[in-house]
């Protein structure tokens, strides 16, 4: 999962949680209890998804550390081609610029 996608999903989940909390404040009885339960489930699911994503990223880092320069280059090209938004490509371009500066 790319960083911008992760951040976007996280923001959307947080907005949903905030909306549910607002609704819970106005609700009473079983409705309020059900909303609060839904908020708790969303938080749990969000935490689990974030943890799994971090585990996957860590595994990819290990793979890249062991890869040859040619393999890294090809994987980078594939990662760029897999992007579906200009925002993601802008983030990648920024990262490339920072890396170039660091290597000089």
PDB file of N, CA and C in Angstrom:
ATOM      1  N   UNK A   1       0.838  -1.164   0.000  1.00  0.00           N
ATOM      2  CA  UNK A   1       0.000   0.000   0.000  1.00  0.00           C
ATOM      3  C   UNK A   1       0.881   1.225   0.000  1.00  0.00           C
ATOM      4  N   UNK A   2       0.625   2.147  -0.931  1.00  0.00           N
ATOM      5  CA  UNK A   2       1.470   3.326  -0.988  1.00  0.00           C
ATOM      6  C   UNK A   2       1.095   4.302   0.105  1.00  0.00           C
ATOM      7  N   UNK A   3       1.989   5.171   0.420  1.00  0.00           N
ATOM      8  CA  UNK A   3       1.791   6.074   1.541  1.00  0.00           C
ATOM      9  C   UNK A   3       0.581   6.962   1.359  1.00  0.00           C
ATOM     10  N   UNK A   4       0.406   7.531   0.183  1.00  0.00           N
ATOM     11  CA  UNK A   4      -0.728   8.418  -0.006  1.00  0.00           C
ATOM     12  C   UNK A   4      -2.040   7.670   0.066  1.00  0.00           C
ATOM     13  N   UNK A   5      -2.093   6.444  -0.452  1.00  0.00           N
ATOM     14  CA  UNK A   5      -3.313   5.650  -0.343  1.00  0.00           C
ATOM     15  C   UNK A   5      -3.599   5.331   1.110  1.00  0.00           C
ATOM     16  N   UNK A   6      -2.564   4.952   1.834  1.00  0.00           N
ATOM     17  CA  UNK A   6      -2.722   4.630   3.242  1.00  0.00           C
ATOM     18  C   UNK A   6      -3.241   5.831   4.012  1.00  0.00           C
ATOM     19  N   UNK A   7      -2.659   6.968   3.764  1.00  0.00           N
ATOM     20  CA  UNK A   7      -3.079   8.186   4.443  1.00  0.00           C
ATOM     21  C   UNK A   7      -4.504   8.553   4.066  1.00  0.00           C
ATOM     22  N   UNK A   8      -4.854   8.418   2.796  1.00  0.00           N
ATOM     23  CA  UNK A   8      -6.204   8.730   2.348  1.00  0.00           C
ATOM     24  C   UNK A   8      -7.233   7.817   2.974  1.00  0.00           C
ATOM     25  N   UNK A   9      -6.935   6.534   3.027  1.00  0.00           N
ATOM     26  CA  UNK A   9      -7.852   5.575   3.647  1.00  0.00           C
ATOM     27  C   UNK A   9      -7.988   5.875   5.129  1.00  0.00           C
ATOM     28  N   UNK A  10      -6.873   6.127   5.771  1.00  0.00           N
ATOM     29  CA  UNK A  10      -6.884   6.440   7.209  1.00  0.00           C
ATOM     30  C   UNK A  10      -7.735   7.677   7.479  1.00  0.00           C
ATOM     31  N   UNK A  11      -7.589   8.715   6.631  1.00  0.00           N
ATOM     32  CA  UNK A  11      -8.378   9.930   6.794  1.00  0.00           C
ATOM     33  C   UNK A  11      -9.869   9.652   6.620  1.00  0.00           C
ATOM     34  N   UNK A  12     -10.207   8.818   5.634  1.00  0.00           N
ATOM     35  CA  UNK A  12     -11.613   8.488   5.402  1.00  0.00           C
ATOM     36  C   UNK A  12     -12.197   7.693   6.571  1.00  0.00           C
ATOM     37  N   UNK A  13     -11.428   6.747   7.094  1.00  0.00           N
ATOM     38  CA  UNK A  13     -11.901   5.968   8.247  1.00  0.00           C
ATOM     39  C   UNK A  13     -12.086   6.888   9.442  1.00  0.00           C
ATOM     40  N   UNK A  14     -11.146   7.794   9.657  1.00  0.00           N
ATOM     41  CA  UNK A  14     -11.268   8.723  10.781  1.00  0.00           C
ATOM     42  C   UNK A  14     -12.496   9.615  10.615  1.00  0.00           C
ATOM     43  N   UNK A  15     -12.756  10.070   9.394  1.00  0.00           N
ATOM     44  CA  UNK A  15     -13.948  10.894   9.142  1.00  0.00           C
ATOM     45  C   UNK A  15     -15.217  10.098   9.431  1.00  0.00           C
ATOM     46  N   UNK A  16     -15.245   8.835   9.010  1.00  0.00           N
ATOM     47  CA  UNK A  16     -16.406   7.986   9.288  1.00  0.00           C
ATOM     48  C   UNK A  16     -16.602   7.816  10.792  1.00  0.00           C
ATOM     49  N   UNK A  17     -15.526   7.619  11.511  1.00  0.00           N
ATOM     50  CA  UNK A  17     -15.601   7.477  12.968  1.00  0.00           C
ATOM     51  C   UNK A  17     -16.129   8.769  13.596  1.00  0.00           C
ATOM     52  N   UNK A  18     -15.609   9.903  13.134  1.00  0.00           N
ATOM     53  CA  UNK A  18     -16.075  11.193  13.656  1.00  0.00           C
ATOM     54  C   UNK A  18     -17.563  11.405  13.377  1.00  0.00           C
ATOM     55  N   UNK A  19     -17.993  11.051  12.165  1.00  0.00           N
ATOM     56  CA  UNK A  19     -19.417  11.183  11.811  1.00  0.00           C
ATOM     57  C   UNK A  19     -20.279  10.287  12.689  1.00  0.00           C
ATOM     58  N   UNK A  20     -19.807   9.063  12.927  1.00  0.00           N
ATOM     59  CA  UNK A  20     -20.560   8.146  13.790  1.00  0.00           C
ATOM     60  C   UNK A  20     -20.627   8.668  15.224  1.00  0.00           C
ATOM     61  N   UNK A  21     -19.533   9.234  15.696  1.00  0.00           N
ATOM     62  CA  UNK A  21     -19.537   9.801  17.052  1.00  0.00           C
ATOM     63  C   UNK A  21     -20.546  10.938  17.159  1.00  0.00           C
ATOM     64  N   UNK A  22     -20.577  11.806  16.132  1.00  0.00           N
ATOM     65  CA  UNK A  22     -21.553  12.899  16.128  1.00  0.00           C
ATOM     66  C   UNK A  22     -22.972  12.345  16.171  1.00  0.00           C
ATOM     67  N   UNK A  23     -23.208  11.299  15.381  1.00  0.00           N
ATOM     68  CA  UNK A  23     -24.537  10.687  15.368  1.00  0.00           C
ATOM     69  C   UNK A  23     -24.849  10.051  16.716  1.00  0.00           C
ATOM     70  N   UNK A  24     -23.865   9.432  17.336  1.00  0.00           N
ATOM     71  CA  UNK A  24     -24.067   8.783  18.636  1.00  0.00           C
ATOM     72  C   UNK A  24     -24.448   9.802  19.699  1.00  0.00           C
ATOM     73  N   UNK A  25     -23.876  10.995  19.630  1.00  0.00           N
ATOM     74  CA  UNK A  25     -24.192  12.033  20.611  1.00  0.00           C
ATOM     75  C   UNK A  25     -25.661  12.433  20.542  1.00  0.00           C
ATOM     76  N   UNK A  26     -26.232  12.344  19.335  1.00  0.00           N
ATOM     77  CA  UNK A  26     -27.633  12.739  19.147  1.00  0.00           C
ATOM     78  C   UNK A  26     -28.594  11.572  19.338  1.00  0.00           C
ATOM     79  N   UNK A  27     -28.057  10.372  19.347  1.00  0.00           N
ATOM     80  CA  UNK A  27     -28.896   9.177  19.451  1.00  0.00           C
ATOM     81  C   UNK A  27     -29.091   8.777  20.911  1.00  0.00           C
ATOM     82  N   UNK A  28     -30.048   7.893  21.111  1.00  0.00           N
ATOM     83  CA  UNK A  28     -30.311   7.383  22.457  1.00  0.00           C
ATOM     84  C   UNK A  28     -30.497   5.868  22.410  1.00  0.00           C
ATOM     85  N   UNK A  29     -30.421   5.262  23.565  1.00  0.00           N
ATOM     86  CA  UNK A  29     -30.736   3.846  23.725  1.00  0.00           C
ATOM     87  C   UNK A  29     -29.922   2.914  22.856  1.00  0.00           C
ATOM     88  N   UNK A  30     -30.646   1.949  22.240  1.00  0.00           N
ATOM     89  CA  UNK A  30     -30.000   0.919  21.419  1.00  0.00           C
ATOM     90  C   UNK A  30     -29.266   1.514  20.222  1.00  0.00           C
ATOM     91  N   UNK A  31     -29.823   2.576  19.657  1.00  0.00           N
ATOM     92  CA  UNK A  31     -29.186   3.198  18.486  1.00  0.00           C
ATOM     93  C   UNK A  31     -27.816   3.721  18.884  1.00  0.00           C
ATOM     94  N   UNK A  32     -27.754   4.403  20.004  1.00  0.00           N
ATOM     95  CA  UNK A  32     -26.472   4.932  20.481  1.00  0.00           C
ATOM     96  C   UNK A  32     -25.478   3.802  20.752  1.00  0.00           C
ATOM     97  N   UNK A  33     -25.946   2.749  21.397  1.00  0.00           N
ATOM     98  CA  UNK A  33     -25.104   1.601  21.704  1.00  0.00           C
ATOM     99  C   UNK A  33     -24.576   0.948  20.425  1.00  0.00           C
ATOM    100  N   UNK A  34     -25.439   0.809  19.429  1.00  0.00           N
ATOM    101  CA  UNK A  34     -25.019   0.216  18.153  1.00  0.00           C
ATOM    102  C   UNK A  34     -23.991   1.083  17.437  1.00  0.00           C
ATOM    103  N   UNK A  35     -24.175   2.383  17.489  1.00  0.00           N
ATOM    104  CA  UNK A  35     -23.211   3.288  16.853  1.00  0.00           C
ATOM    105  C   UNK A  35     -21.869   3.202  17.562  1.00  0.00           C
ATOM    106  N   UNK A  36     -21.881   3.199  18.882  1.00  0.00           N
ATOM    107  CA  UNK A  36     -20.632   3.108  19.638  1.00  0.00           C
ATOM    108  C   UNK A  36     -19.926   1.783  19.365  1.00  0.00           C
ATOM    109  N   UNK A  37     -20.690   0.729  19.214  1.00  0.00           N
ATOM    110  CA  UNK A  37     -20.118  -0.573  18.873  1.00  0.00           C
ATOM    111  C   UNK A  37     -19.495  -0.543  17.479  1.00  0.00           C
ATOM    112  N   UNK A  38     -20.165   0.101  16.538  1.00  0.00           N
ATOM    113  CA  UNK A  38     -19.628   0.223  15.176  1.00  0.00           C
ATOM    114  C   UNK A  38     -18.323   1.016  15.173  1.00  0.00           C
ATOM    115  N   UNK A  39     -18.268   2.063  15.976  1.00  0.00           N
ATOM    116  CA  UNK A  39     -17.035   2.865  16.078  1.00  0.00           C
ATOM    117  C   UNK A  39     -15.890   1.992  16.595  1.00  0.00           C
ATOM    118  N   UNK A  40     -16.155   1.193  17.599  1.00  0.00           N
ATOM    119  CA  UNK A  40     -15.120   0.315  18.163  1.00  0.00           C
ATOM    120  C   UNK A  40     -14.641  -0.699  17.121  1.00  0.00           C
ATOM    121  N   UNK A  41     -15.577  -1.260  16.359  1.00  0.00           N
ATOM    122  CA  UNK A  41     -15.192  -2.228  15.316  1.00  0.00           C
ATOM    123  C   UNK A  41     -14.365  -1.558  14.220  1.00  0.00           C
ATOM    124  N   UNK A  42     -14.753  -0.337  13.841  1.00  0.00           N
ATOM    125  CA  UNK A  42     -13.977   0.395  12.837  1.00  0.00           C
ATOM    126  C   UNK A  42     -12.551   0.654  13.317  1.00  0.00           C
ATOM    127  N   UNK A  43     -12.428   1.058  14.570  1.00  0.00           N
ATOM    128  CA  UNK A  43     -11.086   1.317  15.127  1.00  0.00           C
ATOM    129  C   UNK A  43     -10.236   0.045  15.117  1.00  0.00           C
ATOM    130  N   UNK A  44     -10.828  -1.073  15.520  1.00  0.00           N
ATOM    131  CA  UNK A  44     -10.104  -2.346  15.532  1.00  0.00           C
ATOM    132  C   UNK A  44      -9.680  -2.746  14.120  1.00  0.00           C
ATOM    133  N   UNK A  45     -10.610  -2.649  13.189  1.00  0.00           N
ATOM    134  CA  UNK A  45     -10.312  -3.033  11.802  1.00  0.00           C
ATOM    135  C   UNK A  45      -9.248  -2.127  11.208  1.00  0.00           C
ATOM    136  N   UNK A  46      -9.337  -0.848  11.490  1.00  0.00           N
ATOM    137  CA  UNK A  46      -8.360   0.113  10.975  1.00  0.00           C
ATOM    138  C   UNK A  46      -6.966  -0.186  11.525  1.00  0.00           C
ATOM    139  N   UNK A  47      -6.899  -0.482  12.826  1.00  0.00           N
ATOM    140  CA  UNK A  47      -5.612  -0.812  13.441  1.00  0.00           C
ATOM    141  C   UNK A  47      -5.018  -2.078  12.861  1.00  0.00           C
ATOM    142  N   UNK A  48      -5.860  -3.098  12.663  1.00  0.00           N
ATOM    143  CA  UNK A  48      -5.388  -4.353  12.078  1.00  0.00           C
ATOM    144  C   UNK A  48      -4.865  -4.146  10.663  1.00  0.00           C
ATOM    145  N   UNK A  49      -5.600  -3.369   9.866  1.00  0.00           N
ATOM    146  CA  UNK A  49      -5.191  -3.113   8.483  1.00  0.00           C
ATOM    147  C   UNK A  49      -3.862  -2.353   8.445  1.00  0.00           C
ATOM    148  N   UNK A  50      -3.720  -1.377   9.328  1.00  0.00           N
ATOM    149  CA  UNK A  50      -2.470  -0.614   9.386  1.00  0.00           C
ATOM    150  C   UNK A  50      -1.296  -1.484   9.783  1.00  0.00           C
ATOM    151  N   UNK A  51      -1.522  -2.378  10.730  1.00  0.00           N
ATOM    152  CA  UNK A  51      -0.475  -3.287  11.183  1.00  0.00           C
ATOM    153  C   UNK A  51      -0.056  -4.242  10.065  1.00  0.00           C
ATOM    154  N   UNK A  52      -1.048  -4.779   9.346  1.00  0.00           N
ATOM    155  CA  UNK A  52      -0.747  -5.691   8.239  1.00  0.00           C
ATOM    156  C   UNK A  52       0.019  -4.962   7.136  1.00  0.00           C
ATOM    157  N   UNK A  53      -0.372  -3.736   6.867  1.00  0.00           N
ATOM    158  CA  UNK A  53       0.325  -2.959   5.836  1.00  0.00           C
ATOM    159  C   UNK A  53       1.779  -2.722   6.231  1.00  0.00           C
ATOM    160  N   UNK A  54       2.021  -2.401   7.501  1.00  0.00           N
ATOM    161  CA  UNK A  54       3.386  -2.182   7.963  1.00  0.00           C
ATOM    162  C   UNK A  54       4.212  -3.458   7.876  1.00  0.00           C
ATOM    163  N   UNK A  55       3.605  -4.594   8.199  1.00  0.00           N
ATOM    164  CA  UNK A  55       4.299  -5.877   8.075  1.00  0.00           C
ATOM    165  C   UNK A  55       4.676  -6.150   6.622  1.00  0.00           C
ATOM    166  N   UNK A  56       3.754  -5.861   5.714  1.00  0.00           N
ATOM    167  CA  UNK A  56       4.017  -6.084   4.295  1.00  0.00           C
ATOM    168  C   UNK A  56       5.136  -5.165   3.801  1.00  0.00           C
ATOM    169  N   UNK A  57       5.104  -3.919   4.214  1.00  0.00           N
ATOM    170  CA  UNK A  57       6.148  -2.967   3.820  1.00  0.00           C
ATOM    171  C   UNK A  57       7.501  -3.421   4.354  1.00  0.00           C
ATOM    172  N   UNK A  58       7.530  -3.895   5.581  1.00  0.00           N
ATOM    173  CA  UNK A  58       8.776  -4.388   6.167  1.00  0.00           C
ATOM    174  C   UNK A  58       9.329  -5.565   5.359  1.00  0.00           C
ATOM    175  N   UNK A  59       8.449  -6.471   4.954  1.00  0.00           N
ATOM    176  CA  UNK A  59       8.872  -7.600   4.122  1.00  0.00           C
ATOM    177  C   UNK A  59       9.438  -7.135   2.788  1.00  0.00           C
ATOM    178  N   UNK A  60       8.801  -6.137   2.188  1.00  0.00           N
ATOM    179  CA  UNK A  60       9.306  -5.608   0.912  1.00  0.00           C
ATOM    180  C   UNK A  60      10.673  -4.959   1.095  1.00  0.00           C
ATOM    181  N   UNK A  61      10.843  -4.258   2.220  1.00  0.00           N
ATOM    182  CA  UNK A  61      12.152  -3.630   2.483  1.00  0.00           C
ATOM    183  C   UNK A  61      13.245  -4.699   2.581  1.00  0.00           C
ATOM    184  N   UNK A  62      12.948  -5.778   3.277  1.00  0.00           N
ATOM    185  CA  UNK A  62      13.914  -6.868   3.397  1.00  0.00           C
ATOM    186  C   UNK A  62      14.250  -7.443   2.027  1.00  0.00           C
ATOM    187  N   UNK A  63      13.228  -7.628   1.203  1.00  0.00           N
ATOM    188  CA  UNK A  63      13.437  -8.151  -0.148  1.00  0.00           C
ATOM    189  C   UNK A  63      14.310  -7.198  -0.956  1.00  0.00           C
ATOM    190  N   UNK A  64      14.032  -5.906  -0.865  1.00  0.00           N
ATOM    191  CA  UNK A  64      14.822  -4.921  -1.611  1.00  0.00           C
ATOM    192  C   UNK A  64      16.268  -4.868  -1.117  1.00  0.00           C
ATOM    193  N   UNK A  65      16.447  -5.004   0.188  1.00  0.00           N
ATOM    194  CA  UNK A  65      17.807  -4.990   0.733  1.00  0.00           C
ATOM    195  C   UNK A  65      18.644  -6.133   0.159  1.00  0.00           C
ATOM    196  N   UNK A  66      17.999  -7.265  -0.107  1.00  0.00           N
ATOM    197  CA  UNK A  66      18.708  -8.430  -0.630  1.00  0.00           C
ATOM    198  C   UNK A  66      18.799  -8.457  -2.156  1.00  0.00           C
ATOM    199  N   UNK A  67      18.087  -7.551  -2.816  1.00  0.00           N
ATOM    200  CA  UNK A  67      18.024  -7.568  -4.284  1.00  0.00           C
ATOM    201  C   UNK A  67      19.248  -6.896  -4.909  1.00  0.00           C
ATOM    202  N   UNK A  68      19.540  -7.293  -6.143  1.00  0.00           N
ATOM    203  CA  UNK A  68      20.615  -6.634  -6.888  1.00  0.00           C
ATOM    204  C   UNK A  68      20.126  -5.278  -7.380  1.00  0.00           C
ATOM    205  N   UNK A  69      21.058  -4.455  -7.838  1.00  0.00           N
ATOM    206  CA  UNK A  69      20.710  -3.123  -8.345  1.00  0.00           C
ATOM    207  C   UNK A  69      19.742  -3.217  -9.523  1.00  0.00           C
ATOM    208  N   UNK A  70      19.969  -4.167 -10.429  1.00  0.00           N
ATOM    209  CA  UNK A  70      19.079  -4.328 -11.584  1.00  0.00           C
ATOM    210  C   UNK A  70      17.660  -4.707 -11.151  1.00  0.00           C
ATOM    211  N   UNK A  71      17.544  -5.585 -10.179  1.00  0.00           N
ATOM    212  CA  UNK A  71      16.223  -5.989  -9.691  1.00  0.00           C
ATOM    213  C   UNK A  71      15.528  -4.804  -9.029  1.00  0.00           C
ATOM    214  N   UNK A  72      16.258  -4.028  -8.245  1.00  0.00           N
ATOM    215  CA  UNK A  72      15.682  -2.846  -7.596  1.00  0.00           C
ATOM    216  C   UNK A  72      15.154  -1.865  -8.633  1.00  0.00           C
ATOM    217  N   UNK A  73      15.942  -1.666  -9.681  1.00  0.00           N
ATOM    218  CA  UNK A  73      15.540  -0.734 -10.741  1.00  0.00           C
ATOM    219  C   UNK A  73      14.250  -1.204 -11.409  1.00  0.00           C
ATOM    220  N   UNK A  74      14.158  -2.480 -11.722  1.00  0.00           N
ATOM    221  CA  UNK A  74      12.956  -3.014 -12.373  1.00  0.00           C
ATOM    222  C   UNK A  74      11.743  -2.945 -11.441  1.00  0.00           C
ATOM    223  N   UNK A  75      11.946  -3.243 -10.159  1.00  0.00           N
ATOM    224  CA  UNK A  75      10.849  -3.136  -9.203  1.00  0.00           C
ATOM    225  C   UNK A  75      10.368  -1.696  -9.065  1.00  0.00           C
ATOM    226  N   UNK A  76      11.292  -0.748  -9.093  1.00  0.00           N
ATOM    227  CA  UNK A  76      10.916   0.665  -9.021  1.00  0.00           C
ATOM    228  C   UNK A  76      10.073   1.064 -10.229  1.00  0.00           C
ATOM    229  N   UNK A  77      10.465   0.591 -11.408  1.00  0.00           N
ATOM    230  CA  UNK A  77       9.687   0.890 -12.617  1.00  0.00           C
ATOM    231  C   UNK A  77       8.281   0.314 -12.509  1.00  0.00           C
ATOM    232  N   UNK A  78       8.181  -0.917 -12.021  1.00  0.00           N
ATOM    233  CA  UNK A  78       6.868  -1.546 -11.849  1.00  0.00           C
ATOM    234  C   UNK A  78       6.017  -0.762 -10.849  1.00  0.00           C
ATOM    235  N   UNK A  79       6.640  -0.319  -9.769  1.00  0.00           N
ATOM    236  CA  UNK A  79       5.917   0.442  -8.755  1.00  0.00           C
ATOM    237  C   UNK A  79       5.386   1.749  -9.336  1.00  0.00           C
ATOM    238  N   UNK A  80       6.181   2.411 -10.153  1.00  0.00           N
ATOM    239  CA  UNK A  80       5.734   3.660 -10.781  1.00  0.00           C
ATOM    240  C   UNK A  80       4.573   3.385 -11.723  1.00  0.00           C
ATOM    241  N   UNK A  81       4.694   2.349 -12.528  1.00  0.00           N
ATOM    242  CA  UNK A  81       3.623   2.022 -13.480  1.00  0.00           C
ATOM    243  C   UNK A  81       2.329   1.604 -12.788  1.00  0.00           C
ATOM    244  N   UNK A  82       2.430   1.122 -11.573  1.00  0.00           N
ATOM    245  CA  UNK A  82       1.250   0.657 -10.840  1.00  0.00           C
ATOM    246  C   UNK A  82       0.451   1.805 -10.229  1.00  0.00           C
ATOM    247  N   UNK A  83       1.013   3.005 -10.220  1.00  0.00           N
ATOM    248  CA  UNK A  83       0.329   4.133  -9.590  1.00  0.00           C
ATOM    249  C   UNK A  83      -0.913   4.522 -10.387  1.00  0.00           C
ATOM    250  N   UNK A  84      -1.941   4.932  -9.668  1.00  0.00           N
ATOM    251  CA  UNK A  84      -3.209   5.275 -10.314  1.00  0.00           C
ATOM    252  C   UNK A  84      -3.606   6.728 -10.112  1.00  0.00           C
ATOM    253  N   UNK A  85      -2.719   7.525  -9.523  1.00  0.00           N
ATOM    254  CA  UNK A  85      -3.049   8.941  -9.333  1.00  0.00           C
ATOM    255  C   UNK A  85      -1.821   9.809  -9.564  1.00  0.00           C
ATOM    256  N   UNK A  86      -2.077  11.024 -10.013  1.00  0.00           N
ATOM    257  CA  UNK A  86      -0.970  11.963 -10.201  1.00  0.00           C
ATOM    258  C   UNK A  86      -0.382  12.372  -8.856  1.00  0.00           C
ATOM    259  N   UNK A  87      -1.215  12.343  -7.790  1.00  0.00           N
ATOM    260  CA  UNK A  87      -0.701  12.678  -6.464  1.00  0.00           C
ATOM    261  C   UNK A  87       0.368  11.673  -6.026  1.00  0.00           C
ATOM    262  N   UNK A  88       0.115  10.408  -6.292  1.00  0.00           N
ATOM    263  CA  UNK A  88       1.096   9.378  -5.943  1.00  0.00           C
ATOM    264  C   UNK A  88       2.376   9.572  -6.748  1.00  0.00           C
ATOM    265  N   UNK A  89       2.230   9.887  -8.032  1.00  0.00           N
ATOM    266  CA  UNK A  89       3.419  10.120  -8.866  1.00  0.00           C
ATOM    267  C   UNK A  89       4.188  11.351  -8.395  1.00  0.00           C
ATOM    268  N   UNK A  90       3.476  12.381  -7.943  1.00  0.00           N
ATOM    269  CA  UNK A  90       4.141  13.569  -7.399  1.00  0.00           C
ATOM    270  C   UNK A  90       4.937  13.228  -6.151  1.00  0.00           C
ATOM    271  N   UNK A  91       4.373  12.383  -5.299  1.00  0.00           N
ATOM    272  CA  UNK A  91       5.097  11.949  -4.095  1.00  0.00           C
ATOM    273  C   UNK A  91       6.355  11.168  -4.465  1.00  0.00           C
ATOM    274  N   UNK A  92       6.220  10.305  -5.459  1.00  0.00           N
ATOM    275  CA  UNK A  92       7.368   9.513  -5.910  1.00  0.00           C
ATOM    276  C   UNK A  92       8.436  10.431  -6.495  1.00  0.00           C
ATOM    277  N   UNK A  93       8.020  11.412  -7.283  1.00  0.00           N
ATOM    278  CA  UNK A  93       8.976  12.356  -7.877  1.00  0.00           C
ATOM    279  C   UNK A  93       9.729  13.119  -6.785  1.00  0.00           C
ATOM    280  N   UNK A  94       9.004  13.520  -5.753  1.00  0.00           N
ATOM    281  CA  UNK A  94       9.641  14.224  -4.632  1.00  0.00           C
ATOM    282  C   UNK A  94      10.664  13.317  -3.951  1.00  0.00           C
ATOM    283  N   UNK A  95      10.285  12.068  -3.736  1.00  0.00           N
ATOM    284  CA  UNK A  95      11.197  11.100  -3.112  1.00  0.00           C
ATOM    285  C   UNK A  95      12.446  10.898  -3.964  1.00  0.00           C
ATOM    286  N   UNK A  96      12.267  10.823  -5.277  1.00  0.00           N
ATOM    287  CA  UNK A  96      13.405  10.668  -6.185  1.00  0.00           C
ATOM    288  C   UNK A  96      14.343  11.867  -6.105  1.00  0.00           C
ATOM    289  N   UNK A  97      13.773  13.063  -6.081  1.00  0.00           N
ATOM    290  CA  UNK A  97      14.596  14.271  -5.973  1.00  0.00           C
ATOM    291  C   UNK A  97      15.398  14.280  -4.678  1.00  0.00           C
ATOM    292  N   UNK A  98      14.746  13.899  -3.572  1.00  0.00           N
ATOM    293  CA  UNK A  98      15.440  13.860  -2.281  1.00  0.00           C
ATOM    294  C   UNK A  98      16.546  12.811  -2.285  1.00  0.00           C
ATOM    295  N   UNK A  99      16.281  11.685  -2.903  1.00  0.00           N
ATOM    296  CA  UNK A  99      17.296  10.611  -2.958  1.00  0.00           C
ATOM    297  C   UNK A  99      18.483  11.035  -3.808  1.00  0.00           C
ATOM    298  N   UNK A 100      18.208  11.692  -4.945  1.00  0.00           N
ATOM    299  CA  UNK A 100      19.305  12.191  -5.789  1.00  0.00           C
ATOM    300  C   UNK A 100      20.204  13.129  -5.009  1.00  0.00           C
ATOM    301  N   UNK A 101      19.610  14.048  -4.256  1.00  0.00           N
ATOM    302  CA  UNK A 101      20.384  14.993  -3.448  1.00  0.00           C
ATOM    303  C   UNK A 101      21.222  14.256  -2.412  1.00  0.00           C
ATOM    304  N   UNK A 102      20.660  13.238  -1.802  1.00  0.00           N
ATOM    305  CA  UNK A 102      21.360  12.479  -0.761  1.00  0.00           C
ATOM    306  C   UNK A 102      22.554  11.702  -1.337  1.00  0.00           C
ATOM    307  N   UNK A 103      22.440  11.292  -2.594  1.00  0.00           N
ATOM    308  CA  UNK A 103      23.508  10.499  -3.210  1.00  0.00           C
ATOM    309  C   UNK A 103      24.653  11.360  -3.747  1.00  0.00           C
ATOM    310  N   UNK A 104      24.434  12.645  -3.877  1.00  0.00           N
ATOM    311  CA  UNK A 104      25.486  13.533  -4.418  1.00  0.00           C
ATOM    312  C   UNK A 104      26.579  13.799  -3.431  1.00  0.00           C
TER     313      UNK A 104
END
